[in-house]
């Protein structure tokens, strides 16, 4: 154990230095650091996010189900509604059903929010922090599994429509109506032509994800970072529609060396629309996994008071992993969660 820790320690100390420099970066820009409670009424309402759950027992012995949050997002937006204009959180978050070189059941999410500012500002923020992590680590390039990228280069900006056309030959926007309704069958034709499997029970989201993972993501962040933006509105449950095209949302993801690092939104602030989207996501979750999570009513109430804002979640451990040349996320965690027996 001491020898193994000694081998890991240089990367862990580098992690601490990056953390300190990130905090200084946010402080210099008048952000307030907040701490979100891990236990929440709802862990999040996205269909394919799975939570860890527990029972709170009061003095009378009554039990209430609570969940470890999958993101501090709901808490951060409540604070935006309360009047905090710029905030960030380095939060421990928890996701079940996830473990691998890029996934861990407990990890650190860096989230930050800007009231009254567009999500393009977050694109610049994310690029600056990626460069700052590389500078702190003394890394001139990022590499992962034979893929290489320059963390100091200006990111390529690519829409989902452009990416699907370039890498799969699919005209994505013809599969989405002006009101955001998706045409699953039309997309299935394109997916089949691209040489990918289509099952009878595949939804539009299933097919979209299959193309993204198999044909698009392997090309992202090569040579320089990629900002993948303008997701179909159906694939952005917490983002507002883009003003130039209601078929797509103000959502982007940042990639380096094929690794997804961050997910950002121009935030949806319509509580009725957010409720509709959450219910649709939970219907899909129940169909696939046989379970659903409650909606946080306080969160929906806060949306009615929340100013226009943009927000982003960055996988801090993944960024540290790339900055120090590690091969697995566990290599940059101080105390990884032990593997459970099958």
C-alpha atoms as a PDB file:
ATOM      1  CA  UNK A   1       0.000   0.000   0.000  1.00  0.00           C
ATOM      2  CA  UNK A   2       2.692   2.654   0.849  1.00  0.00           C
ATOM      3  CA  UNK A   3       4.598   1.865  -2.356  1.00  0.00           C
ATOM      4  CA  UNK A   4       1.439   2.069  -4.454  1.00  0.00           C
ATOM      5  CA  UNK A   5       0.490   5.382  -2.877  1.00  0.00           C
ATOM      6  CA  UNK A   6       4.010   6.713  -3.458  1.00  0.00           C
ATOM      7  CA  UNK A   7       3.619   5.949  -7.171  1.00  0.00           C
ATOM      8  CA  UNK A   8       0.277   7.760  -7.291  1.00  0.00           C
ATOM      9  CA  UNK A   9       1.199  10.719  -5.098  1.00  0.00           C
ATOM     10  CA  UNK A  10       2.789  12.996  -7.753  1.00  0.00           C
ATOM     11  CA  UNK A  11      -0.464  12.983  -9.737  1.00  0.00           C
ATOM     12  CA  UNK A  12      -2.511  13.581  -6.610  1.00  0.00           C
ATOM     13  CA  UNK A  13      -0.364  16.550  -5.625  1.00  0.00           C
ATOM     14  CA  UNK A  14      -0.748  17.881  -9.164  1.00  0.00           C
ATOM     15  CA  UNK A  15      -4.504  17.540  -8.723  1.00  0.00           C
ATOM     16  CA  UNK A  16      -4.256  19.734  -5.619  1.00  0.00           C
ATOM     17  CA  UNK A  17      -2.263  22.380  -7.506  1.00  0.00           C
ATOM     18  CA  UNK A  18      -4.830  22.474 -10.312  1.00  0.00           C
ATOM     19  CA  UNK A  19      -7.626  22.780  -7.746  1.00  0.00           C
ATOM     20  CA  UNK A  20      -5.890  25.744  -6.098  1.00  0.00           C
ATOM     21  CA  UNK A  21      -5.306  27.519  -9.411  1.00  0.00           C
ATOM     22  CA  UNK A  22      -8.897  26.968 -10.498  1.00  0.00           C
ATOM     23  CA  UNK A  23     -10.184  28.468  -7.258  1.00  0.00           C
ATOM     24  CA  UNK A  24      -7.931  31.488  -7.801  1.00  0.00           C
ATOM     25  CA  UNK A  25      -9.191  31.820 -11.398  1.00  0.00           C
ATOM     26  CA  UNK A  26     -12.808  31.957 -10.253  1.00  0.00           C
ATOM     27  CA  UNK A  27     -12.006  34.301  -7.364  1.00  0.00           C
ATOM     28  CA  UNK A  28     -10.337  36.737  -9.769  1.00  0.00           C
ATOM     29  CA  UNK A  29     -13.595  36.867 -11.739  1.00  0.00           C
ATOM     30  CA  UNK A  30     -15.887  37.513  -8.770  1.00  0.00           C
ATOM     31  CA  UNK A  31     -17.392  34.046  -8.531  1.00  0.00           C
ATOM     32  CA  UNK A  32     -18.650  32.808  -5.171  1.00  0.00           C
ATOM     33  CA  UNK A  33     -17.858  29.220  -4.240  1.00  0.00           C
ATOM     34  CA  UNK A  34     -20.880  27.361  -2.899  1.00  0.00           C
ATOM     35  CA  UNK A  35     -21.321  23.962  -1.274  1.00  0.00           C
ATOM     36  CA  UNK A  36     -24.406  22.011  -2.319  1.00  0.00           C
ATOM     37  CA  UNK A  37     -25.903  19.416  -0.003  1.00  0.00           C
ATOM     38  CA  UNK A  38     -25.315  15.930  -1.400  1.00  0.00           C
ATOM     39  CA  UNK A  39     -28.676  14.608  -0.160  1.00  0.00           C
ATOM     40  CA  UNK A  40     -31.541  15.841  -2.308  1.00  0.00           C
ATOM     41  CA  UNK A  41     -35.247  15.173  -2.857  1.00  0.00           C
ATOM     42  CA  UNK A  42     -34.455  14.446  -6.508  1.00  0.00           C
ATOM     43  CA  UNK A  43     -31.049  13.363  -7.816  1.00  0.00           C
ATOM     44  CA  UNK A  44     -31.835  14.729 -11.281  1.00  0.00           C
ATOM     45  CA  UNK A  45     -34.432  13.834 -13.898  1.00  0.00           C
ATOM     46  CA  UNK A  46     -32.506  12.580 -16.908  1.00  0.00           C
ATOM     47  CA  UNK A  47     -33.534   9.159 -18.149  1.00  0.00           C
ATOM     48  CA  UNK A  48     -30.134   7.486 -18.164  1.00  0.00           C
ATOM     49  CA  UNK A  49     -28.687   8.899 -14.940  1.00  0.00           C
ATOM     50  CA  UNK A  50     -28.903   6.434 -12.058  1.00  0.00           C
ATOM     51  CA  UNK A  51     -28.607   7.543  -8.447  1.00  0.00           C
ATOM     52  CA  UNK A  52     -27.669   6.121  -5.068  1.00  0.00           C
ATOM     53  CA  UNK A  53     -30.597   6.352  -2.672  1.00  0.00           C
ATOM     54  CA  UNK A  54     -31.044   6.142   1.069  1.00  0.00           C
ATOM     55  CA  UNK A  55     -33.607   6.559   3.855  1.00  0.00           C
ATOM     56  CA  UNK A  56     -33.785   9.575   6.161  1.00  0.00           C
ATOM     57  CA  UNK A  57     -35.340   8.644   9.523  1.00  0.00           C
ATOM     58  CA  UNK A  58     -36.806  11.368  11.719  1.00  0.00           C
ATOM     59  CA  UNK A  59     -37.305  11.333  15.506  1.00  0.00           C
ATOM     60  CA  UNK A  60     -40.637   9.551  15.183  1.00  0.00           C
ATOM     61  CA  UNK A  61     -39.152   6.799  13.027  1.00  0.00           C
ATOM     62  CA  UNK A  62     -40.834   8.008   9.826  1.00  0.00           C
ATOM     63  CA  UNK A  63     -38.793   7.362   6.722  1.00  0.00           C
ATOM     64  CA  UNK A  64     -38.276   9.551   3.682  1.00  0.00           C
ATOM     65  CA  UNK A  65     -36.336   8.540   0.582  1.00  0.00           C
ATOM     66  CA  UNK A  66     -33.480  10.866  -0.317  1.00  0.00           C
ATOM     67  CA  UNK A  67     -30.913  10.599  -3.092  1.00  0.00           C
ATOM     68  CA  UNK A  68     -27.241  11.478  -3.450  1.00  0.00           C
ATOM     69  CA  UNK A  69     -27.139  14.114  -6.149  1.00  0.00           C
ATOM     70  CA  UNK A  70     -25.801  13.296  -9.613  1.00  0.00           C
ATOM     71  CA  UNK A  71     -24.929  16.993 -10.027  1.00  0.00           C
ATOM     72  CA  UNK A  72     -25.162  20.157  -7.875  1.00  0.00           C
ATOM     73  CA  UNK A  73     -27.187  21.754 -10.688  1.00  0.00           C
ATOM     74  CA  UNK A  74     -30.525  22.081  -8.906  1.00  0.00           C
ATOM     75  CA  UNK A  75     -28.895  23.646  -5.845  1.00  0.00           C
ATOM     76  CA  UNK A  76     -26.864  26.066  -7.948  1.00  0.00           C
ATOM     77  CA  UNK A  77     -29.916  27.243  -9.868  1.00  0.00           C
ATOM     78  CA  UNK A  78     -31.840  27.798  -6.652  1.00  0.00           C
ATOM     79  CA  UNK A  79     -29.013  30.095  -5.569  1.00  0.00           C
ATOM     80  CA  UNK A  80     -29.144  31.930  -8.907  1.00  0.00           C
ATOM     81  CA  UNK A  81     -32.842  32.479  -8.254  1.00  0.00           C
ATOM     82  CA  UNK A  82     -31.960  33.744  -4.769  1.00  0.00           C
ATOM     83  CA  UNK A  83     -29.714  36.418  -6.252  1.00  0.00           C
ATOM     84  CA  UNK A  84     -26.187  35.009  -6.640  1.00  0.00           C
ATOM     85  CA  UNK A  85     -24.986  36.289 -10.045  1.00  0.00           C
ATOM     86  CA  UNK A  86     -21.841  34.168 -10.437  1.00  0.00           C
ATOM     87  CA  UNK A  87     -21.138  30.962  -8.572  1.00  0.00           C
ATOM     88  CA  UNK A  88     -19.107  27.784  -8.813  1.00  0.00           C
ATOM     89  CA  UNK A  89     -19.017  24.456  -7.035  1.00  0.00           C
ATOM     90  CA  UNK A  90     -16.381  21.715  -6.782  1.00  0.00           C
ATOM     91  CA  UNK A  91     -18.822  19.024  -5.734  1.00  0.00           C
ATOM     92  CA  UNK A  92     -18.568  15.336  -5.013  1.00  0.00           C
ATOM     93  CA  UNK A  93     -21.337  13.732  -7.056  1.00  0.00           C
ATOM     94  CA  UNK A  94     -22.583  10.162  -7.308  1.00  0.00           C
ATOM     95  CA  UNK A  95     -23.729   8.072 -10.265  1.00  0.00           C
ATOM     96  CA  UNK A  96     -24.782   4.449 -10.112  1.00  0.00           C
ATOM     97  CA  UNK A  97     -24.339   1.967 -12.979  1.00  0.00           C
ATOM     98  CA  UNK A  98     -21.162   3.797 -14.051  1.00  0.00           C
ATOM     99  CA  UNK A  99     -17.617   2.466 -13.748  1.00  0.00           C
ATOM    100  CA  UNK A 100     -14.734   2.326 -16.225  1.00  0.00           C
ATOM    101  CA  UNK A 101     -11.617   4.182 -17.388  1.00  0.00           C
ATOM    102  CA  UNK A 102     -13.606   7.439 -17.621  1.00  0.00           C
ATOM    103  CA  UNK A 103     -16.333   6.745 -15.036  1.00  0.00           C
ATOM    104  CA  UNK A 104     -16.371   6.329 -11.273  1.00  0.00           C
ATOM    105  CA  UNK A 105     -19.345   6.016  -8.900  1.00  0.00           C
ATOM    106  CA  UNK A 106     -18.143   9.038  -6.883  1.00  0.00           C
ATOM    107  CA  UNK A 107     -16.309  11.836  -8.662  1.00  0.00           C
ATOM    108  CA  UNK A 108     -15.786  15.593  -8.661  1.00  0.00           C
ATOM    109  CA  UNK A 109     -17.915  17.873 -10.796  1.00  0.00           C
ATOM    110  CA  UNK A 110     -16.860  21.464 -11.345  1.00  0.00           C
ATOM    111  CA  UNK A 111     -19.937  23.537 -12.149  1.00  0.00           C
ATOM    112  CA  UNK A 112     -20.183  27.266 -12.685  1.00  0.00           C
ATOM    113  CA  UNK A 113     -22.997  29.611 -13.624  1.00  0.00           C
ATOM    114  CA  UNK A 114     -23.218  33.129 -15.020  1.00  0.00           C
ATOM    115  CA  UNK A 115     -26.451  35.100 -14.668  1.00  0.00           C
ATOM    116  CA  UNK A 116     -27.240  37.390 -17.584  1.00  0.00           C
ATOM    117  CA  UNK A 117     -24.504  35.953 -19.817  1.00  0.00           C
ATOM    118  CA  UNK A 118     -24.774  33.697 -22.862  1.00  0.00           C
ATOM    119  CA  UNK A 119     -23.415  30.215 -23.153  1.00  0.00           C
ATOM    120  CA  UNK A 120     -20.748  31.370 -25.631  1.00  0.00           C
ATOM    121  CA  UNK A 121     -19.004  32.912 -22.614  1.00  0.00           C
ATOM    122  CA  UNK A 122     -18.802  29.440 -21.106  1.00  0.00           C
ATOM    123  CA  UNK A 123     -17.038  28.216 -24.244  1.00  0.00           C
ATOM    124  CA  UNK A 124     -14.268  30.717 -23.538  1.00  0.00           C
ATOM    125  CA  UNK A 125     -14.231  29.821 -19.844  1.00  0.00           C
ATOM    126  CA  UNK A 126     -13.872  26.118 -20.542  1.00  0.00           C
ATOM    127  CA  UNK A 127     -11.044  26.647 -23.023  1.00  0.00           C
ATOM    128  CA  UNK A 128      -9.231  28.897 -20.549  1.00  0.00           C
ATOM    129  CA  UNK A 129      -9.518  26.366 -17.713  1.00  0.00           C
ATOM    130  CA  UNK A 130      -8.338  23.528 -19.925  1.00  0.00           C
ATOM    131  CA  UNK A 131      -5.251  25.567 -20.826  1.00  0.00           C
ATOM    132  CA  UNK A 132      -4.743  26.475 -17.173  1.00  0.00           C
ATOM    133  CA  UNK A 133      -4.801  22.803 -16.160  1.00  0.00           C
ATOM    134  CA  UNK A 134      -2.228  21.982 -18.848  1.00  0.00           C
ATOM    135  CA  UNK A 135      -0.021  24.910 -17.847  1.00  0.00           C
ATOM    136  CA  UNK A 136      -0.133  23.888 -14.194  1.00  0.00           C
ATOM    137  CA  UNK A 137       0.826  20.327 -15.104  1.00  0.00           C
ATOM    138  CA  UNK A 138       3.563  21.441 -17.485  1.00  0.00           C
ATOM    139  CA  UNK A 139       1.810  19.542 -20.285  1.00  0.00           C
ATOM    140  CA  UNK A 140       2.296  20.807 -23.833  1.00  0.00           C
ATOM    141  CA  UNK A 141      -0.182  18.275 -25.218  1.00  0.00           C
ATOM    142  CA  UNK A 142      -2.943  16.011 -23.940  1.00  0.00           C
ATOM    143  CA  UNK A 143      -2.855  12.334 -24.889  1.00  0.00           C
ATOM    144  CA  UNK A 144      -5.249   9.478 -24.207  1.00  0.00           C
ATOM    145  CA  UNK A 145      -5.191   6.016 -25.751  1.00  0.00           C
ATOM    146  CA  UNK A 146      -3.048   7.114 -28.662  1.00  0.00           C
ATOM    147  CA  UNK A 147      -5.057  10.262 -29.345  1.00  0.00           C
ATOM    148  CA  UNK A 148      -3.397  13.651 -29.028  1.00  0.00           C
ATOM    149  CA  UNK A 149      -4.578  17.240 -28.783  1.00  0.00           C
ATOM    150  CA  UNK A 150      -3.254  20.723 -28.065  1.00  0.00           C
ATOM    151  CA  UNK A 151      -4.987  22.093 -24.935  1.00  0.00           C
ATOM    152  CA  UNK A 152      -3.840  25.624 -25.789  1.00  0.00           C
ATOM    153  CA  UNK A 153      -5.335  25.713 -29.288  1.00  0.00           C
ATOM    154  CA  UNK A 154      -8.587  27.524 -30.055  1.00  0.00           C
ATOM    155  CA  UNK A 155     -11.333  24.882 -30.048  1.00  0.00           C
ATOM    156  CA  UNK A 156     -13.046  23.812 -33.235  1.00  0.00           C
ATOM    157  CA  UNK A 157     -16.762  24.665 -33.099  1.00  0.00           C
ATOM    158  CA  UNK A 158     -18.982  22.028 -34.689  1.00  0.00           C
ATOM    159  CA  UNK A 159     -22.776  21.704 -34.653  1.00  0.00           C
ATOM    160  CA  UNK A 160     -24.431  18.304 -34.277  1.00  0.00           C
ATOM    161  CA  UNK A 161     -25.908  18.716 -37.752  1.00  0.00           C
ATOM    162  CA  UNK A 162     -22.443  19.319 -39.215  1.00  0.00           C
ATOM    163  CA  UNK A 163     -20.971  16.412 -37.245  1.00  0.00           C
ATOM    164  CA  UNK A 164     -23.673  13.938 -38.324  1.00  0.00           C
ATOM    165  CA  UNK A 165     -23.261  14.970 -41.943  1.00  0.00           C
ATOM    166  CA  UNK A 166     -19.459  14.875 -41.864  1.00  0.00           C
ATOM    167  CA  UNK A 167     -18.977  11.608 -39.999  1.00  0.00           C
ATOM    168  CA  UNK A 168     -22.147   9.604 -40.751  1.00  0.00           C
ATOM    169  CA  UNK A 169     -23.663  11.143 -43.873  1.00  0.00           C
ATOM    170  CA  UNK A 170     -26.925  11.843 -42.000  1.00  0.00           C
ATOM    171  CA  UNK A 171     -29.016  15.016 -42.450  1.00  0.00           C
ATOM    172  CA  UNK A 172     -30.020  15.351 -38.811  1.00  0.00           C
ATOM    173  CA  UNK A 173     -32.189  18.470 -39.024  1.00  0.00           C
ATOM    174  CA  UNK A 174     -34.553  16.890 -41.547  1.00  0.00           C
ATOM    175  CA  UNK A 175     -35.485  14.462 -38.741  1.00  0.00           C
ATOM    176  CA  UNK A 176     -36.692  17.269 -36.431  1.00  0.00           C
ATOM    177  CA  UNK A 177     -39.849  19.351 -36.927  1.00  0.00           C
ATOM    178  CA  UNK A 178     -40.082  23.045 -36.122  1.00  0.00           C
ATOM    179  CA  UNK A 179     -41.818  22.271 -32.819  1.00  0.00           C
ATOM    180  CA  UNK A 180     -39.008  19.884 -31.796  1.00  0.00           C
ATOM    181  CA  UNK A 181     -40.925  16.690 -32.635  1.00  0.00           C
ATOM    182  CA  UNK A 182     -38.516  14.017 -33.847  1.00  0.00           C
ATOM    183  CA  UNK A 183     -38.932  11.581 -36.740  1.00  0.00           C
ATOM    184  CA  UNK A 184     -37.524   8.293 -35.508  1.00  0.00           C
ATOM    185  CA  UNK A 185     -38.166   6.398 -38.740  1.00  0.00           C
ATOM    186  CA  UNK A 186     -36.447   8.969 -40.905  1.00  0.00           C
ATOM    187  CA  UNK A 187     -33.388   8.897 -38.666  1.00  0.00           C
ATOM    188  CA  UNK A 188     -33.435   5.082 -38.747  1.00  0.00           C
ATOM    189  CA  UNK A 189     -33.057   5.187 -42.527  1.00  0.00           C
ATOM    190  CA  UNK A 190     -29.940   7.315 -42.180  1.00  0.00           C
ATOM    191  CA  UNK A 191     -28.532   5.154 -39.400  1.00  0.00           C
ATOM    192  CA  UNK A 192     -28.981   2.015 -41.506  1.00  0.00           C
ATOM    193  CA  UNK A 193     -27.303   3.693 -44.478  1.00  0.00           C
ATOM    194  CA  UNK A 194     -24.386   4.581 -42.191  1.00  0.00           C
ATOM    195  CA  UNK A 195     -23.909   0.877 -41.480  1.00  0.00           C
ATOM    196  CA  UNK A 196     -25.146   0.899 -37.901  1.00  0.00           C
ATOM    197  CA  UNK A 197     -27.627  -1.442 -36.270  1.00  0.00           C
ATOM    198  CA  UNK A 198     -31.278  -0.436 -35.927  1.00  0.00           C
ATOM    199  CA  UNK A 199     -33.604  -2.427 -33.651  1.00  0.00           C
ATOM    200  CA  UNK A 200     -37.395  -2.329 -33.871  1.00  0.00           C
ATOM    201  CA  UNK A 201     -37.724  -0.838 -30.387  1.00  0.00           C
ATOM    202  CA  UNK A 202     -35.029   1.824 -30.802  1.00  0.00           C
ATOM    203  CA  UNK A 203     -36.238   5.334 -30.022  1.00  0.00           C
ATOM    204  CA  UNK A 204     -34.971   8.504 -31.673  1.00  0.00           C
ATOM    205  CA  UNK A 205     -32.746   9.039 -28.620  1.00  0.00           C
ATOM    206  CA  UNK A 206     -31.318   5.513 -28.923  1.00  0.00           C
ATOM    207  CA  UNK A 207     -30.433   6.042 -32.570  1.00  0.00           C
ATOM    208  CA  UNK A 208     -29.050   9.531 -31.969  1.00  0.00           C
ATOM    209  CA  UNK A 209     -26.809   8.227 -29.193  1.00  0.00           C
ATOM    210  CA  UNK A 210     -25.614   5.284 -31.304  1.00  0.00           C
ATOM    211  CA  UNK A 211     -24.461   7.572 -34.111  1.00  0.00           C
ATOM    212  CA  UNK A 212     -22.866  10.002 -31.670  1.00  0.00           C
ATOM    213  CA  UNK A 213     -20.872   7.308 -29.888  1.00  0.00           C
ATOM    214  CA  UNK A 214     -19.925   5.176 -32.901  1.00  0.00           C
ATOM    215  CA  UNK A 215     -19.372   7.728 -35.631  1.00  0.00           C
ATOM    216  CA  UNK A 216     -18.917  11.202 -34.146  1.00  0.00           C
ATOM    217  CA  UNK A 217     -17.153  11.099 -30.768  1.00  0.00           C
ATOM    218  CA  UNK A 218     -14.061   9.195 -31.991  1.00  0.00           C
ATOM    219  CA  UNK A 219     -13.218  12.204 -34.191  1.00  0.00           C
ATOM    220  CA  UNK A 220     -13.669  14.938 -31.577  1.00  0.00           C
ATOM    221  CA  UNK A 221     -10.845  16.792 -29.877  1.00  0.00           C
ATOM    222  CA  UNK A 222      -8.150  15.454 -32.206  1.00  0.00           C
ATOM    223  CA  UNK A 223      -5.291  17.884 -32.676  1.00  0.00           C
ATOM    224  CA  UNK A 224      -7.251  20.586 -30.884  1.00  0.00           C
ATOM    225  CA  UNK A 225     -10.321  20.682 -28.600  1.00  0.00           C
ATOM    226  CA  UNK A 226     -13.809  20.450 -30.104  1.00  0.00           C
ATOM    227  CA  UNK A 227     -16.928  22.275 -28.968  1.00  0.00           C
ATOM    228  CA  UNK A 228     -19.907  20.209 -30.154  1.00  0.00           C
ATOM    229  CA  UNK A 229     -22.994  22.408 -30.040  1.00  0.00           C
ATOM    230  CA  UNK A 230     -26.657  22.867 -31.014  1.00  0.00           C
ATOM    231  CA  UNK A 231     -28.051  19.545 -29.854  1.00  0.00           C
ATOM    232  CA  UNK A 232     -31.565  18.547 -30.919  1.00  0.00           C
ATOM    233  CA  UNK A 233     -34.012  20.062 -28.441  1.00  0.00           C
ATOM    234  CA  UNK A 234     -35.121  16.533 -27.488  1.00  0.00           C
ATOM    235  CA  UNK A 235     -31.558  15.792 -26.323  1.00  0.00           C
ATOM    236  CA  UNK A 236     -31.206  18.805 -24.039  1.00  0.00           C
ATOM    237  CA  UNK A 237     -33.731  18.505 -21.217  1.00  0.00           C
ATOM    238  CA  UNK A 238     -32.436  21.501 -19.249  1.00  0.00           C
ATOM    239  CA  UNK A 239     -31.480  23.864 -22.087  1.00  0.00           C
ATOM    240  CA  UNK A 240     -33.466  26.583 -23.827  1.00  0.00           C
ATOM    241  CA  UNK A 241     -34.108  26.575 -27.585  1.00  0.00           C
ATOM    242  CA  UNK A 242     -31.580  28.366 -29.778  1.00  0.00           C
ATOM    243  CA  UNK A 243     -32.988  31.732 -30.911  1.00  0.00           C
ATOM    244  CA  UNK A 244     -32.076  31.103 -34.572  1.00  0.00           C
ATOM    245  CA  UNK A 245     -33.591  27.593 -34.799  1.00  0.00           C
ATOM    246  CA  UNK A 246     -36.167  26.100 -32.373  1.00  0.00           C
ATOM    247  CA  UNK A 247     -35.226  22.579 -33.481  1.00  0.00           C
ATOM    248  CA  UNK A 248     -31.950  22.803 -31.567  1.00  0.00           C
ATOM    249  CA  UNK A 249     -30.943  23.839 -28.076  1.00  0.00           C
ATOM    250  CA  UNK A 250     -28.279  26.028 -26.540  1.00  0.00           C
ATOM    251  CA  UNK A 251     -26.231  23.055 -25.421  1.00  0.00           C
ATOM    252  CA  UNK A 252     -22.580  22.286 -26.055  1.00  0.00           C
ATOM    253  CA  UNK A 253     -20.069  19.679 -24.966  1.00  0.00           C
ATOM    254  CA  UNK A 254     -16.291  20.090 -24.852  1.00  0.00           C
ATOM    255  CA  UNK A 255     -14.051  17.245 -26.061  1.00  0.00           C
ATOM    256  CA  UNK A 256     -10.300  16.638 -25.954  1.00  0.00           C
ATOM    257  CA  UNK A 257      -8.654  13.485 -27.363  1.00  0.00           C
ATOM    258  CA  UNK A 258     -12.100  11.944 -27.845  1.00  0.00           C
ATOM    259  CA  UNK A 259     -12.898  12.430 -24.142  1.00  0.00           C
ATOM    260  CA  UNK A 260     -15.999  14.406 -23.170  1.00  0.00           C
ATOM    261  CA  UNK A 261     -14.940  16.966 -20.565  1.00  0.00           C
ATOM    262  CA  UNK A 262     -17.861  19.361 -20.130  1.00  0.00           C
ATOM    263  CA  UNK A 263     -21.582  19.829 -20.808  1.00  0.00           C
ATOM    264  CA  UNK A 264     -23.091  23.324 -20.914  1.00  0.00           C
ATOM    265  CA  UNK A 265     -26.472  24.982 -21.371  1.00  0.00           C
ATOM    266  CA  UNK A 266     -28.141  28.255 -21.994  1.00  0.00           C
ATOM    267  CA  UNK A 267     -30.485  27.519 -19.103  1.00  0.00           C
ATOM    268  CA  UNK A 268     -34.179  26.832 -19.516  1.00  0.00           C
ATOM    269  CA  UNK A 269     -36.176  29.020 -17.104  1.00  0.00           C
ATOM    270  CA  UNK A 270     -39.750  28.076 -18.046  1.00  0.00           C
ATOM    271  CA  UNK A 271     -41.043  25.896 -15.171  1.00  0.00           C
ATOM    272  CA  UNK A 272     -44.000  24.490 -17.122  1.00  0.00           C
ATOM    273  CA  UNK A 273     -41.795  23.410 -20.021  1.00  0.00           C
ATOM    274  CA  UNK A 274     -39.193  22.040 -17.606  1.00  0.00           C
ATOM    275  CA  UNK A 275     -41.843  19.950 -15.859  1.00  0.00           C
ATOM    276  CA  UNK A 276     -43.022  18.566 -19.196  1.00  0.00           C
ATOM    277  CA  UNK A 277     -39.487  17.592 -20.137  1.00  0.00           C
ATOM    278  CA  UNK A 278     -38.779  16.009 -16.753  1.00  0.00           C
ATOM    279  CA  UNK A 279     -41.945  13.927 -16.975  1.00  0.00           C
ATOM    280  CA  UNK A 280     -40.983  12.754 -20.465  1.00  0.00           C
ATOM    281  CA  UNK A 281     -37.510  11.814 -19.214  1.00  0.00           C
ATOM    282  CA  UNK A 282     -38.956   9.902 -16.267  1.00  0.00           C
ATOM    283  CA  UNK A 283     -41.413   8.077 -18.537  1.00  0.00           C
ATOM    284  CA  UNK A 284     -38.430   6.910 -20.580  1.00  0.00           C
ATOM    285  CA  UNK A 285     -36.527   5.958 -17.426  1.00  0.00           C
ATOM    286  CA  UNK A 286     -39.457   3.873 -16.236  1.00  0.00           C
ATOM    287  CA  UNK A 287     -39.675   2.187 -19.645  1.00  0.00           C
ATOM    288  CA  UNK A 288     -35.992   1.268 -19.688  1.00  0.00           C
ATOM    289  CA  UNK A 289     -35.114   0.745 -16.003  1.00  0.00           C
ATOM    290  CA  UNK A 290     -38.471   0.270 -14.296  1.00  0.00           C
ATOM    291  CA  UNK A 291     -37.996   3.230 -11.931  1.00  0.00           C
ATOM    292  CA  UNK A 292     -38.483   6.980 -11.788  1.00  0.00           C
ATOM    293  CA  UNK A 293     -37.321   9.808  -9.541  1.00  0.00           C
ATOM    294  CA  UNK A 294     -39.516  12.538  -8.078  1.00  0.00           C
ATOM    295  CA  UNK A 295     -39.492  16.076  -9.414  1.00  0.00           C
ATOM    296  CA  UNK A 296     -38.028  18.697  -7.075  1.00  0.00           C
ATOM    297  CA  UNK A 297     -40.934  21.115  -6.748  1.00  0.00           C
ATOM    298  CA  UNK A 298     -38.751  23.719  -5.030  1.00  0.00           C
ATOM    299  CA  UNK A 299     -36.467  23.653  -8.057  1.00  0.00           C
ATOM    300  CA  UNK A 300     -39.352  24.268 -10.466  1.00  0.00           C
ATOM    301  CA  UNK A 301     -40.575  27.111  -8.271  1.00  0.00           C
ATOM    302  CA  UNK A 302     -37.077  28.623  -8.314  1.00  0.00           C
ATOM    303  CA  UNK A 303     -36.999  28.549 -12.121  1.00  0.00           C
ATOM    304  CA  UNK A 304     -39.850  31.056 -12.164  1.00  0.00           C
ATOM    305  CA  UNK A 305     -37.597  33.477 -10.251  1.00  0.00           C
ATOM    306  CA  UNK A 306     -34.307  32.622 -11.938  1.00  0.00           C
ATOM    307  CA  UNK A 307     -32.739  35.188 -14.285  1.00  0.00           C
ATOM    308  CA  UNK A 308     -31.527  34.193 -17.723  1.00  0.00           C
ATOM    309  CA  UNK A 309     -28.246  32.384 -17.188  1.00  0.00           C
ATOM    310  CA  UNK A 310     -25.769  29.916 -18.581  1.00  0.00           C
ATOM    311  CA  UNK A 311     -24.212  27.006 -16.725  1.00  0.00           C
ATOM    312  CA  UNK A 312     -21.644  24.286 -17.286  1.00  0.00           C
ATOM    313  CA  UNK A 313     -20.558  21.036 -15.648  1.00  0.00           C
ATOM    314  CA  UNK A 314     -16.947  19.918 -16.148  1.00  0.00           C
ATOM    315  CA  UNK A 315     -15.601  16.513 -15.158  1.00  0.00           C
ATOM    316  CA  UNK A 316     -12.719  17.706 -13.021  1.00  0.00           C
ATOM    317  CA  UNK A 317     -11.112  14.277 -12.591  1.00  0.00           C
ATOM    318  CA  UNK A 318     -11.113  13.680 -16.359  1.00  0.00           C
ATOM    319  CA  UNK A 319      -9.387  16.997 -16.981  1.00  0.00           C
ATOM    320  CA  UNK A 320      -6.742  16.239 -14.341  1.00  0.00           C
ATOM    321  CA  UNK A 321      -6.312  12.780 -15.883  1.00  0.00           C
ATOM    322  CA  UNK A 322      -5.549  14.295 -19.301  1.00  0.00           C
ATOM    323  CA  UNK A 323      -3.315  17.000 -17.841  1.00  0.00           C
ATOM    324  CA  UNK A 324      -1.058  14.521 -16.053  1.00  0.00           C
ATOM    325  CA  UNK A 325      -1.144  11.753 -18.659  1.00  0.00           C
ATOM    326  CA  UNK A 326      -3.044   9.180 -16.584  1.00  0.00           C
ATOM    327  CA  UNK A 327      -4.839   6.311 -18.278  1.00  0.00           C
ATOM    328  CA  UNK A 328      -7.740   5.896 -15.873  1.00  0.00           C
ATOM    329  CA  UNK A 329      -9.808   8.222 -13.738  1.00  0.00           C
ATOM    330  CA  UNK A 330      -8.905   6.216 -10.609  1.00  0.00           C
ATOM    331  CA  UNK A 331      -5.257   7.247 -11.093  1.00  0.00           C
ATOM    332  CA  UNK A 332      -6.115  10.815 -10.028  1.00  0.00           C
ATOM    333  CA  UNK A 333      -8.530  10.070  -7.147  1.00  0.00           C
ATOM    334  CA  UNK A 334      -7.118  10.219  -3.624  1.00  0.00           C
ATOM    335  CA  UNK A 335      -9.293   7.352  -2.360  1.00  0.00           C
ATOM    336  CA  UNK A 336     -11.102   5.479  -5.134  1.00  0.00           C
ATOM    337  CA  UNK A 337     -14.262   3.569  -4.272  1.00  0.00           C
ATOM    338  CA  UNK A 338     -13.446  -0.132  -3.936  1.00  0.00           C
ATOM    339  CA  UNK A 339     -14.704  -2.437  -6.656  1.00  0.00           C
ATOM    340  CA  UNK A 340     -17.603  -4.635  -5.565  1.00  0.00           C
ATOM    341  CA  UNK A 341     -17.603  -8.373  -6.180  1.00  0.00           C
ATOM    342  CA  UNK A 342     -19.824  -9.586  -9.044  1.00  0.00           C
END
